[in-house]
Amino acid sequence: MKNIKIIFAGTDKFSSIHLNELIVKKFNILAVITKIDKKIGRGKKIQFSEIKKIAIKNKLSLIQLNSLNSEKYYKILKKLKPDIMIVVSFGLMIPNKIIKIFSLGCINIHTSLLPKFRGPSPIQSVILKGKKKTGISIIQINDKLDAGNIVYKKSINIKKKDTYKTLKKKLCILGKKSLIKFLKNIFLKKNISIPQKENDATYTKKIYKKDGLINWNEKASKIEKKVRAFNTWPGTFFFINKIMIKIWKVNIVQSHKKTTPGKIIKADSNGILISTKKNFINIIKLQISGKKKNTVDKIIHSYKKLFQIGNII
């Protein structure tokens, strides 16, 4: 099993944890592919990807690029005579010409139970939709978005308080275990390949900063899901006197009262209670623009004037 010759492609921390698992388990990694370094800030400081850091630390052959649509990289990869390409949070398309190099194909680890929630934001989307289960799907890469045959699938439960951050961590642990299990199945010749049911497919959309703006005319249940789904990015927020207030933790307070959505009902050490289309949202952890995030009980007295009872926000 350890003699399977692997090319690994990824970029972020999620992918780096999977790469590290392969290293710990002593798999034969011929090369690691990641994107070209980013330049950030006014000083144009170079930012290495998490994948690059691990590759350098473990003295792995590193290929950096912004596209695989090049004869140069086709020749490089073909010369290595790899068996399989493992793609995790890479963000670049894999051309068919490249896929054909690998005798065991190219596989991708996707954070949903495909064919549901294809696309760029499956973790956020299952929380927004109030789903009770999600999981990891390992698929064969083809020329369509997340549509390849499923070669391994494993589910987990979503807890009521799960945020994007906590759920992603759980899926990362599940993902690296699933990857090793899949590779073992290849060795034991127990691997499967099940076509996805296209009629059951659903798609997620790219999330933008503006999506985090709270609309108090929505139900409290929908706002609460948004707070969890967008933690940590883009966050959920609203404005008072042009000051941005970020919300990090809330609970729902049931109410049959008909009150103008966005009205501040109460503001004390127990929370900031705001009316919605149905029920109230009680903010218990927040962040004033330019300040650190904190629980309401620790900052409410300093910002009492900002949260005047009866004001509509």
C-alpha atoms as a PDB file:
ATOM      1  CA  MET A   1       0.000   0.000   0.000  1.00  0.00           C
ATOM      2  CA  LYS A   2       2.800   2.434   0.904  1.00  0.00           C
ATOM      3  CA  ASN A   3       4.285   1.896  -2.570  1.00  0.00           C
ATOM      4  CA  ILE A   4       1.396   3.723  -4.241  1.00  0.00           C
ATOM      5  CA  LYS A   5       3.088   6.680  -5.953  1.00  0.00           C
ATOM      6  CA  ILE A   6       1.214   9.859  -5.038  1.00  0.00           C
ATOM      7  CA  ILE A   7       1.051  13.389  -6.383  1.00  0.00           C
ATOM      8  CA  PHE A   8      -0.669  15.656  -3.838  1.00  0.00           C
ATOM      9  CA  ALA A   9      -2.327  18.972  -4.777  1.00  0.00           C
ATOM     10  CA  GLY A  10      -3.657  21.464  -2.244  1.00  0.00           C
ATOM     11  CA  THR A  11      -3.333  24.963  -0.818  1.00  0.00           C
ATOM     12  CA  ASP A  12      -4.859  25.699   2.579  1.00  0.00           C
ATOM     13  CA  LYS A  13      -4.653  24.373   6.143  1.00  0.00           C
ATOM     14  CA  PHE A  14      -7.427  21.840   5.509  1.00  0.00           C
ATOM     15  CA  SER A  15      -5.417  20.272   2.679  1.00  0.00           C
ATOM     16  CA  SER A  16      -2.152  20.474   4.649  1.00  0.00           C
ATOM     17  CA  ILE A  17      -3.610  18.305   7.418  1.00  0.00           C
ATOM     18  CA  HIS A  18      -4.388  15.602   4.832  1.00  0.00           C
ATOM     19  CA  LEU A  19      -0.895  15.877   3.373  1.00  0.00           C
ATOM     20  CA  ASN A  20       0.612  15.606   6.825  1.00  0.00           C
ATOM     21  CA  GLU A  21      -1.417  12.450   7.492  1.00  0.00           C
ATOM     22  CA  LEU A  22       0.065  10.836   4.371  1.00  0.00           C
ATOM     23  CA  ILE A  23       3.547  11.826   5.549  1.00  0.00           C
ATOM     24  CA  VAL A  24       2.970  10.433   9.054  1.00  0.00           C
ATOM     25  CA  LYS A  25       1.689   7.181   7.557  1.00  0.00           C
ATOM     26  CA  LYS A  26       4.830   7.105   5.347  1.00  0.00           C
ATOM     27  CA  PHE A  27       3.137   7.073   1.955  1.00  0.00           C
ATOM     28  CA  ASN A  28       5.250   7.520  -1.152  1.00  0.00           C
ATOM     29  CA  ILE A  29       4.706  11.165  -2.161  1.00  0.00           C
ATOM     30  CA  LEU A  30       6.515  11.915  -5.408  1.00  0.00           C
ATOM     31  CA  ALA A  31       5.643  15.601  -5.492  1.00  0.00           C
ATOM     32  CA  VAL A  32       3.416  18.250  -3.973  1.00  0.00           C
ATOM     33  CA  ILE A  33       1.593  20.833  -6.105  1.00  0.00           C
ATOM     34  CA  THR A  34       0.390  24.152  -4.723  1.00  0.00           C
ATOM     35  CA  LYS A  35      -0.389  27.634  -6.019  1.00  0.00           C
ATOM     36  CA  ILE A  36       2.244  30.322  -6.549  1.00  0.00           C
ATOM     37  CA  ASP A  37       2.988  32.408  -3.442  1.00  0.00           C
ATOM     38  CA  LYS A  38       0.687  35.346  -2.747  1.00  0.00           C
ATOM     39  CA  LYS A  39       1.883  38.888  -2.154  1.00  0.00           C
ATOM     40  CA  ILE A  40      -0.124  40.589   0.602  1.00  0.00           C
ATOM     41  CA  GLY A  41      -0.241  44.018   2.211  1.00  0.00           C
ATOM     42  CA  ARG A  42       1.246  47.324   1.160  1.00  0.00           C
ATOM     43  CA  GLY A  43       4.756  45.978   1.432  1.00  0.00           C
ATOM     44  CA  LYS A  44       3.791  43.062  -0.823  1.00  0.00           C
ATOM     45  CA  LYS A  45       5.012  40.538   1.719  1.00  0.00           C
ATOM     46  CA  ILE A  46       5.156  37.015   0.278  1.00  0.00           C
ATOM     47  CA  GLN A  47       2.796  34.533   1.951  1.00  0.00           C
ATOM     48  CA  PHE A  48       3.599  30.833   1.701  1.00  0.00           C
ATOM     49  CA  SER A  49       0.712  28.364   1.551  1.00  0.00           C
ATOM     50  CA  GLU A  50       0.364  25.825   4.366  1.00  0.00           C
ATOM     51  CA  ILE A  51       1.133  23.114   1.821  1.00  0.00           C
ATOM     52  CA  LYS A  52       4.430  24.727   0.829  1.00  0.00           C
ATOM     53  CA  LYS A  53       5.510  24.962   4.463  1.00  0.00           C
ATOM     54  CA  ILE A  54       4.937  21.233   5.004  1.00  0.00           C
ATOM     55  CA  ALA A  55       6.609  20.278   1.715  1.00  0.00           C
ATOM     56  CA  ILE A  56       9.732  22.260   2.609  1.00  0.00           C
ATOM     57  CA  LYS A  57       9.812  20.918   6.174  1.00  0.00           C
ATOM     58  CA  ASN A  58       9.611  17.331   4.924  1.00  0.00           C
ATOM     59  CA  LYS A  59      11.916  17.880   1.926  1.00  0.00           C
ATOM     60  CA  LEU A  60       9.273  16.922  -0.618  1.00  0.00           C
ATOM     61  CA  SER A  61       9.535  17.869  -4.285  1.00  0.00           C
ATOM     62  CA  LEU A  62       7.446  21.041  -4.717  1.00  0.00           C
ATOM     63  CA  ILE A  63       5.704  22.359  -7.853  1.00  0.00           C
ATOM     64  CA  GLN A  64       4.104  25.815  -7.731  1.00  0.00           C
ATOM     65  CA  LEU A  65       1.776  27.032 -10.463  1.00  0.00           C
ATOM     66  CA  ASN A  66      -1.417  28.904 -11.244  1.00  0.00           C
ATOM     67  CA  SER A  67      -2.601  26.546 -13.984  1.00  0.00           C
ATOM     68  CA  LEU A  68      -2.101  22.935 -15.042  1.00  0.00           C
ATOM     69  CA  ASN A  69      -2.942  23.770 -18.666  1.00  0.00           C
ATOM     70  CA  SER A  70       0.664  23.634 -19.721  1.00  0.00           C
ATOM     71  CA  GLU A  71       2.700  21.116 -21.692  1.00  0.00           C
ATOM     72  CA  LYS A  72       5.556  21.800 -19.273  1.00  0.00           C
ATOM     73  CA  TYR A  73       3.692  20.416 -16.244  1.00  0.00           C
ATOM     74  CA  TYR A  74       2.199  17.570 -18.239  1.00  0.00           C
ATOM     75  CA  LYS A  75       5.708  16.400 -19.124  1.00  0.00           C
ATOM     76  CA  ILE A  76       6.977  16.841 -15.549  1.00  0.00           C
ATOM     77  CA  LEU A  77       4.167  14.768 -14.067  1.00  0.00           C
ATOM     78  CA  LYS A  78       4.258  12.077 -16.742  1.00  0.00           C
ATOM     79  CA  LYS A  79       7.993  11.622 -16.240  1.00  0.00           C
ATOM     80  CA  LEU A  80       7.411  10.866 -12.540  1.00  0.00           C
ATOM     81  CA  LYS A  81       5.173   7.884 -13.472  1.00  0.00           C
ATOM     82  CA  PRO A  82       2.698   8.449 -10.620  1.00  0.00           C
ATOM     83  CA  ASP A  83      -0.200   6.138  -9.718  1.00  0.00           C
ATOM     84  CA  ILE A  84      -2.690   8.599  -8.240  1.00  0.00           C
ATOM     85  CA  MET A  85      -3.303  12.298  -7.733  1.00  0.00           C
ATOM     86  CA  ILE A  86      -4.922  13.366  -4.455  1.00  0.00           C
ATOM     87  CA  VAL A  87      -6.577  16.800  -4.606  1.00  0.00           C
ATOM     88  CA  VAL A  88      -7.734  18.571  -1.424  1.00  0.00           C
ATOM     89  CA  SER A  89      -8.815  22.251  -1.388  1.00  0.00           C
ATOM     90  CA  PHE A  90      -6.666  23.040  -4.402  1.00  0.00           C
ATOM     91  CA  GLY A  91      -8.860  25.538  -6.246  1.00  0.00           C
ATOM     92  CA  LEU A  92      -7.597  24.790  -9.768  1.00  0.00           C
ATOM     93  CA  MET A  93      -9.112  22.639 -12.499  1.00  0.00           C
ATOM     94  CA  ILE A  94      -7.368  19.381 -13.387  1.00  0.00           C
ATOM     95  CA  PRO A  95      -7.318  18.983 -17.222  1.00  0.00           C
ATOM     96  CA  ASN A  96      -8.324  15.620 -18.711  1.00  0.00           C
ATOM     97  CA  LYS A  97      -4.876  15.277 -20.219  1.00  0.00           C
ATOM     98  CA  ILE A  98      -3.373  15.388 -16.719  1.00  0.00           C
ATOM     99  CA  ILE A  99      -5.974  12.995 -15.289  1.00  0.00           C
ATOM    100  CA  LYS A 100      -5.050  10.373 -17.893  1.00  0.00           C
ATOM    101  CA  ILE A 101      -1.467  10.270 -16.598  1.00  0.00           C
ATOM    102  CA  PHE A 102      -2.554   8.472 -13.417  1.00  0.00           C
ATOM    103  CA  SER A 103      -3.266   4.741 -13.576  1.00  0.00           C
ATOM    104  CA  LEU A 104      -5.499   5.020 -10.477  1.00  0.00           C
ATOM    105  CA  GLY A 105      -6.969   8.338 -11.548  1.00  0.00           C
ATOM    106  CA  CYS A 106      -7.295  11.666  -9.722  1.00  0.00           C
ATOM    107  CA  ILE A 107      -9.405  11.836  -6.583  1.00  0.00           C
ATOM    108  CA  ASN A 108     -10.830  14.778  -4.671  1.00  0.00           C
ATOM    109  CA  ILE A 109     -11.982  15.033  -1.049  1.00  0.00           C
ATOM    110  CA  HIS A 110     -15.256  16.986  -0.871  1.00  0.00           C
ATOM    111  CA  THR A 111     -16.888  18.108   2.399  1.00  0.00           C
ATOM    112  CA  SER A 112     -20.460  17.004   1.778  1.00  0.00           C
ATOM    113  CA  LEU A 113     -22.476  13.881   1.073  1.00  0.00           C
ATOM    114  CA  LEU A 114     -22.503  14.116  -2.693  1.00  0.00           C
ATOM    115  CA  PRO A 115     -24.394  14.649  -4.919  1.00  0.00           C
ATOM    116  CA  LYS A 116     -25.839  17.122  -2.383  1.00  0.00           C
ATOM    117  CA  PHE A 117     -24.037  20.439  -1.873  1.00  0.00           C
ATOM    118  CA  ARG A 118     -21.599  20.464  -4.761  1.00  0.00           C
ATOM    119  CA  GLY A 119     -19.530  23.590  -5.220  1.00  0.00           C
ATOM    120  CA  PRO A 120     -17.492  26.017  -3.107  1.00  0.00           C
ATOM    121  CA  SER A 121     -19.367  26.308   0.218  1.00  0.00           C
ATOM    122  CA  PRO A 122     -20.738  22.919   1.326  1.00  0.00           C
ATOM    123  CA  ILE A 123     -19.934  23.337   5.036  1.00  0.00           C
ATOM    124  CA  GLN A 124     -21.630  26.719   5.345  1.00  0.00           C
ATOM    125  CA  SER A 125     -24.581  25.543   3.256  1.00  0.00           C
ATOM    126  CA  VAL A 126     -25.492  22.502   5.353  1.00  0.00           C
ATOM    127  CA  ILE A 127     -25.616  24.747   8.436  1.00  0.00           C
ATOM    128  CA  LEU A 128     -27.710  27.391   6.648  1.00  0.00           C
ATOM    129  CA  LYS A 129     -30.141  24.689   5.502  1.00  0.00           C
ATOM    130  CA  GLY A 130     -30.417  23.233   9.012  1.00  0.00           C
ATOM    131  CA  LYS A 131     -29.235  19.774   7.969  1.00  0.00           C
ATOM    132  CA  LYS A 132     -28.591  17.152  10.627  1.00  0.00           C
ATOM    133  CA  LYS A 133     -25.972  15.172   8.717  1.00  0.00           C
ATOM    134  CA  THR A 134     -23.033  15.862   6.465  1.00  0.00           C
ATOM    135  CA  GLY A 135     -19.813  14.050   5.684  1.00  0.00           C
ATOM    136  CA  ILE A 136     -16.891  13.374   3.397  1.00  0.00           C
ATOM    137  CA  SER A 137     -17.139  12.166  -0.189  1.00  0.00           C
ATOM    138  CA  ILE A 138     -14.049  11.020  -2.065  1.00  0.00           C
ATOM    139  CA  ILE A 139     -14.693  11.206  -5.788  1.00  0.00           C
ATOM    140  CA  GLN A 140     -12.924  10.557  -9.055  1.00  0.00           C
ATOM    141  CA  ILE A 141     -12.254  13.875 -10.747  1.00  0.00           C
ATOM    142  CA  ASN A 142     -13.805  14.444 -14.170  1.00  0.00           C
ATOM    143  CA  ASP A 143     -14.531  17.519 -16.281  1.00  0.00           C
ATOM    144  CA  LYS A 144     -17.670  18.486 -14.316  1.00  0.00           C
ATOM    145  CA  LEU A 145     -17.924  20.223 -10.944  1.00  0.00           C
ATOM    146  CA  ASP A 146     -17.860  17.643  -8.115  1.00  0.00           C
ATOM    147  CA  ALA A 147     -19.700  15.171 -10.367  1.00  0.00           C
ATOM    148  CA  GLY A 148     -17.283  12.233 -10.521  1.00  0.00           C
ATOM    149  CA  ASN A 149     -17.985   8.717  -9.316  1.00  0.00           C
ATOM    150  CA  ILE A 150     -17.955   8.274  -5.543  1.00  0.00           C
ATOM    151  CA  VAL A 151     -15.196   5.948  -4.349  1.00  0.00           C
ATOM    152  CA  TYR A 152     -15.650   6.490  -0.606  1.00  0.00           C
ATOM    153  CA  LYS A 153     -18.249   8.203   1.587  1.00  0.00           C
ATOM    154  CA  LYS A 154     -18.605   8.666   5.350  1.00  0.00           C
ATOM    155  CA  SER A 155     -21.183  10.698   7.306  1.00  0.00           C
ATOM    156  CA  ILE A 156     -21.254  12.510  10.657  1.00  0.00           C
ATOM    157  CA  ASN A 157     -23.979  14.243  12.658  1.00  0.00           C
ATOM    158  CA  ILE A 158     -24.246  18.036  12.795  1.00  0.00           C
ATOM    159  CA  LYS A 159     -24.854  19.326  16.324  1.00  0.00           C
ATOM    160  CA  LYS A 160     -27.205  22.231  17.024  1.00  0.00           C
ATOM    161  CA  LYS A 161     -24.357  24.484  18.138  1.00  0.00           C
ATOM    162  CA  ASP A 162     -21.899  23.558  15.378  1.00  0.00           C
ATOM    163  CA  THR A 163     -20.329  26.501  13.581  1.00  0.00           C
ATOM    164  CA  TYR A 164     -18.404  26.505  10.317  1.00  0.00           C
ATOM    165  CA  LYS A 165     -15.219  26.384  12.395  1.00  0.00           C
ATOM    166  CA  THR A 166     -16.209  23.400  14.561  1.00  0.00           C
ATOM    167  CA  LEU A 167     -17.784  21.452  11.707  1.00  0.00           C
ATOM    168  CA  LYS A 168     -14.788  21.995   9.432  1.00  0.00           C
ATOM    169  CA  LYS A 169     -12.513  20.637  12.166  1.00  0.00           C
ATOM    170  CA  LYS A 170     -14.663  17.501  12.480  1.00  0.00           C
ATOM    171  CA  LEU A 171     -14.703  17.019   8.704  1.00  0.00           C
ATOM    172  CA  CYS A 172     -10.944  17.455   8.558  1.00  0.00           C
ATOM    173  CA  ILE A 173     -10.469  14.618  11.039  1.00  0.00           C
ATOM    174  CA  LEU A 174     -12.994  12.502   9.142  1.00  0.00           C
ATOM    175  CA  GLY A 175     -11.383  13.420   5.816  1.00  0.00           C
ATOM    176  CA  LYS A 176      -7.867  12.307   6.688  1.00  0.00           C
ATOM    177  CA  LYS A 177      -9.157   9.036   8.173  1.00  0.00           C
ATOM    178  CA  SER A 178     -11.305   8.453   5.084  1.00  0.00           C
ATOM    179  CA  LEU A 179      -8.361   9.099   2.779  1.00  0.00           C
ATOM    180  CA  ILE A 180      -6.218   6.452   4.491  1.00  0.00           C
ATOM    181  CA  LYS A 181      -9.159   4.025   4.467  1.00  0.00           C
ATOM    182  CA  PHE A 182      -9.671   4.608   0.740  1.00  0.00           C
ATOM    183  CA  LEU A 183      -5.997   3.985  -0.009  1.00  0.00           C
ATOM    184  CA  LYS A 184      -6.139   0.771   2.022  1.00  0.00           C
ATOM    185  CA  ASN A 185      -9.170  -0.301   0.006  1.00  0.00           C
ATOM    186  CA  ILE A 186      -7.147   0.102  -3.192  1.00  0.00           C
ATOM    187  CA  PHE A 187      -4.467  -2.177  -1.789  1.00  0.00           C
ATOM    188  CA  LEU A 188      -7.077  -4.730  -0.661  1.00  0.00           C
ATOM    189  CA  LYS A 189      -8.925  -4.391  -3.981  1.00  0.00           C
ATOM    190  CA  LYS A 190     -12.082  -3.399  -2.124  1.00  0.00           C
ATOM    191  CA  ASN A 191     -12.468  -0.058  -3.831  1.00  0.00           C
ATOM    192  CA  ILE A 192     -15.871   0.951  -5.220  1.00  0.00           C
ATOM    193  CA  SER A 193     -16.922   3.442  -7.904  1.00  0.00           C
ATOM    194  CA  ILE A 194     -20.540   4.567  -7.734  1.00  0.00           C
ATOM    195  CA  PRO A 195     -21.948   7.120 -10.230  1.00  0.00           C
ATOM    196  CA  GLN A 196     -23.696  10.084  -8.659  1.00  0.00           C
ATOM    197  CA  LYS A 197     -27.427  10.526  -9.216  1.00  0.00           C
ATOM    198  CA  GLU A 198     -27.624  13.743 -11.197  1.00  0.00           C
ATOM    199  CA  ASN A 199     -31.308  14.219 -10.374  1.00  0.00           C
ATOM    200  CA  ASP A 200     -30.367  14.483  -6.671  1.00  0.00           C
ATOM    201  CA  ALA A 201     -27.595  17.036  -7.196  1.00  0.00           C
ATOM    202  CA  THR A 202     -27.704  20.425  -5.448  1.00  0.00           C
ATOM    203  CA  TYR A 203     -25.199  23.268  -5.720  1.00  0.00           C
ATOM    204  CA  THR A 204     -23.707  25.800  -3.337  1.00  0.00           C
ATOM    205  CA  LYS A 205     -22.605  29.332  -4.201  1.00  0.00           C
ATOM    206  CA  LYS A 206     -19.486  31.319  -3.481  1.00  0.00           C
ATOM    207  CA  ILE A 207     -19.824  33.360  -0.295  1.00  0.00           C
ATOM    208  CA  TYR A 208     -19.012  37.064  -0.279  1.00  0.00           C
ATOM    209  CA  LYS A 209     -18.444  39.570   2.515  1.00  0.00           C
ATOM    210  CA  LYS A 210     -21.826  41.199   1.855  1.00  0.00           C
ATOM    211  CA  ASP A 211     -23.596  37.901   2.626  1.00  0.00           C
ATOM    212  CA  GLY A 212     -22.809  38.413   6.303  1.00  0.00           C
ATOM    213  CA  LEU A 213     -25.013  41.515   6.626  1.00  0.00           C
ATOM    214  CA  ILE A 214     -27.916  40.747   8.976  1.00  0.00           C
ATOM    215  CA  ASN A 215     -31.465  41.311   7.747  1.00  0.00           C
ATOM    216  CA  TRP A 216     -33.663  41.643  10.828  1.00  0.00           C
ATOM    217  CA  ASN A 217     -36.759  41.045   8.666  1.00  0.00           C
ATOM    218  CA  GLU A 218     -35.726  37.380   8.526  1.00  0.00           C
ATOM    219  CA  LYS A 219     -36.748  34.871  11.185  1.00  0.00           C
ATOM    220  CA  ALA A 220     -34.549  34.439  14.250  1.00  0.00           C
ATOM    221  CA  SER A 221     -33.930  30.799  13.302  1.00  0.00           C
ATOM    222  CA  LYS A 222     -32.468  31.843   9.938  1.00  0.00           C
ATOM    223  CA  ILE A 223     -30.265  34.527  11.489  1.00  0.00           C
ATOM    224  CA  GLU A 224     -28.973  32.097  14.113  1.00  0.00           C
ATOM    225  CA  LYS A 225     -27.971  29.627  11.395  1.00  0.00           C
ATOM    226  CA  LYS A 226     -26.212  32.398   9.477  1.00  0.00           C
ATOM    227  CA  VAL A 227     -24.190  33.364  12.572  1.00  0.00           C
ATOM    228  CA  ARG A 228     -22.972  29.772  12.904  1.00  0.00           C
ATOM    229  CA  ALA A 229     -22.418  29.201   9.188  1.00  0.00           C
ATOM    230  CA  PHE A 230     -20.331  32.361   8.706  1.00  0.00           C
ATOM    231  CA  ASN A 231     -18.137  31.875  11.755  1.00  0.00           C
ATOM    232  CA  THR A 232     -15.248  32.556  11.056  1.00  0.00           C
ATOM    233  CA  TRP A 233     -15.629  34.187   7.624  1.00  0.00           C
ATOM    234  CA  PRO A 234     -17.213  36.449   6.470  1.00  0.00           C
ATOM    235  CA  GLY A 235     -18.823  36.791   9.882  1.00  0.00           C
ATOM    236  CA  THR A 236     -22.279  38.258  10.475  1.00  0.00           C
ATOM    237  CA  PHE A 237     -22.666  41.947  11.153  1.00  0.00           C
ATOM    238  CA  PHE A 238     -24.949  44.988  11.342  1.00  0.00           C
ATOM    239  CA  PHE A 239     -24.426  48.723  11.740  1.00  0.00           C
ATOM    240  CA  ILE A 240     -25.384  51.257  14.412  1.00  0.00           C
ATOM    241  CA  ASN A 241     -24.465  54.898  13.695  1.00  0.00           C
ATOM    242  CA  LYS A 242     -22.232  53.620  10.875  1.00  0.00           C
ATOM    243  CA  ILE A 243     -20.284  51.492  13.358  1.00  0.00           C
ATOM    244  CA  MET A 244     -19.974  47.839  12.355  1.00  0.00           C
ATOM    245  CA  ILE A 245     -20.988  45.318  15.000  1.00  0.00           C
ATOM    246  CA  LYS A 246     -19.918  41.733  14.383  1.00  0.00           C
ATOM    247  CA  ILE A 247     -21.926  38.915  15.936  1.00  0.00           C
ATOM    248  CA  TRP A 248     -20.087  35.816  17.134  1.00  0.00           C
ATOM    249  CA  LYS A 249     -22.620  33.995  19.288  1.00  0.00           C
ATOM    250  CA  VAL A 250     -26.390  34.206  19.750  1.00  0.00           C
ATOM    251  CA  ASN A 251     -29.364  32.290  21.037  1.00  0.00           C
ATOM    252  CA  ILE A 252     -33.027  32.401  20.075  1.00  0.00           C
ATOM    253  CA  VAL A 253     -35.635  33.719  22.486  1.00  0.00           C
ATOM    254  CA  GLN A 254     -39.153  32.561  21.714  1.00  0.00           C
ATOM    255  CA  SER A 255     -41.810  35.284  21.625  1.00  0.00           C
ATOM    256  CA  HIS A 256     -45.357  35.716  20.334  1.00  0.00           C
ATOM    257  CA  LYS A 257     -45.144  39.515  20.487  1.00  0.00           C
ATOM    258  CA  LYS A 258     -45.468  41.399  17.209  1.00  0.00           C
ATOM    259  CA  THR A 259     -42.603  43.897  17.264  1.00  0.00           C
ATOM    260  CA  THR A 260     -40.856  45.869  14.545  1.00  0.00           C
ATOM    261  CA  PRO A 261     -37.935  43.778  13.240  1.00  0.00           C
ATOM    262  CA  GLY A 262     -34.561  45.215  14.274  1.00  0.00           C
ATOM    263  CA  LYS A 263     -35.839  46.838  17.451  1.00  0.00           C
ATOM    264  CA  ILE A 264     -33.568  46.662  20.499  1.00  0.00           C
ATOM    265  CA  ILE A 265     -35.756  45.151  23.228  1.00  0.00           C
ATOM    266  CA  LYS A 266     -33.188  44.819  25.987  1.00  0.00           C
ATOM    267  CA  ALA A 267     -29.455  45.396  26.509  1.00  0.00           C
ATOM    268  CA  ASP A 268     -27.786  44.193  29.686  1.00  0.00           C
ATOM    269  CA  SER A 269     -25.164  41.711  30.911  1.00  0.00           C
ATOM    270  CA  ASN A 270     -27.387  38.803  29.792  1.00  0.00           C
ATOM    271  CA  GLY A 271     -27.319  39.898  26.166  1.00  0.00           C
ATOM    272  CA  ILE A 272     -28.613  42.322  23.561  1.00  0.00           C
ATOM    273  CA  LEU A 273     -32.136  41.283  22.611  1.00  0.00           C
ATOM    274  CA  ILE A 274     -33.290  42.245  19.119  1.00  0.00           C
ATOM    275  CA  SER A 275     -36.622  41.537  17.437  1.00  0.00           C
ATOM    276  CA  THR A 276     -36.876  39.717  14.102  1.00  0.00           C
ATOM    277  CA  LYS A 277     -39.690  38.639  11.787  1.00  0.00           C
ATOM    278  CA  LYS A 278     -40.360  35.782  14.201  1.00  0.00           C
ATOM    279  CA  ASN A 279     -38.918  35.491  17.732  1.00  0.00           C
ATOM    280  CA  PHE A 280     -35.947  37.403  19.155  1.00  0.00           C
ATOM    281  CA  ILE A 281     -32.197  37.098  18.722  1.00  0.00           C
ATOM    282  CA  ASN A 282     -30.155  37.469  21.893  1.00  0.00           C
ATOM    283  CA  ILE A 283     -26.552  38.449  21.154  1.00  0.00           C
ATOM    284  CA  ILE A 284     -24.166  37.097  23.765  1.00  0.00           C
ATOM    285  CA  LYS A 285     -20.808  37.524  22.034  1.00  0.00           C
ATOM    286  CA  LEU A 286     -19.930  40.381  19.705  1.00  0.00           C
ATOM    287  CA  GLN A 287     -17.198  42.631  18.376  1.00  0.00           C
ATOM    288  CA  ILE A 288     -17.325  46.401  18.033  1.00  0.00           C
ATOM    289  CA  SER A 289     -15.423  47.641  14.965  1.00  0.00           C
ATOM    290  CA  GLY A 290     -11.743  48.127  15.825  1.00  0.00           C
ATOM    291  CA  LYS A 291     -12.052  46.219  19.117  1.00  0.00           C
ATOM    292  CA  LYS A 292     -11.541  42.621  20.200  1.00  0.00           C
ATOM    293  CA  LYS A 293     -14.494  40.226  20.298  1.00  0.00           C
ATOM    294  CA  ASN A 294     -15.936  39.686  23.746  1.00  0.00           C
ATOM    295  CA  THR A 295     -18.985  38.526  25.656  1.00  0.00           C
ATOM    296  CA  VAL A 296     -21.740  41.087  26.165  1.00  0.00           C
ATOM    297  CA  ASP A 297     -21.428  41.090  29.976  1.00  0.00           C
ATOM    298  CA  LYS A 298     -17.833  42.370  29.691  1.00  0.00           C
ATOM    299  CA  ILE A 299     -18.475  45.263  27.304  1.00  0.00           C
ATOM    300  CA  ILE A 300     -22.117  46.329  27.623  1.00  0.00           C
ATOM    301  CA  HIS A 301     -21.480  49.036  30.246  1.00  0.00           C
ATOM    302  CA  SER A 302     -18.894  50.746  28.021  1.00  0.00           C
ATOM    303  CA  TYR A 303     -21.264  50.757  25.032  1.00  0.00           C
ATOM    304  CA  LYS A 304     -24.642  51.243  26.688  1.00  0.00           C
ATOM    305  CA  LYS A 305     -25.355  54.369  24.585  1.00  0.00           C
ATOM    306  CA  LEU A 306     -24.798  52.379  21.395  1.00  0.00           C
ATOM    307  CA  PHE A 307     -27.578  49.936  22.247  1.00  0.00           C
ATOM    308  CA  GLN A 308     -30.431  52.212  23.296  1.00  0.00           C
ATOM    309  CA  ILE A 309     -33.615  50.275  24.099  1.00  0.00           C
ATOM    310  CA  GLY A 310     -36.345  51.009  21.563  1.00  0.00           C
ATOM    311  CA  ASN A 311     -33.988  51.974  18.733  1.00  0.00           C
ATOM    312  CA  ILE A 312     -34.504  50.329  15.340  1.00  0.00           C
ATOM    313  CA  ILE A 313     -31.310  49.115  13.699  1.00  0.00           C
END
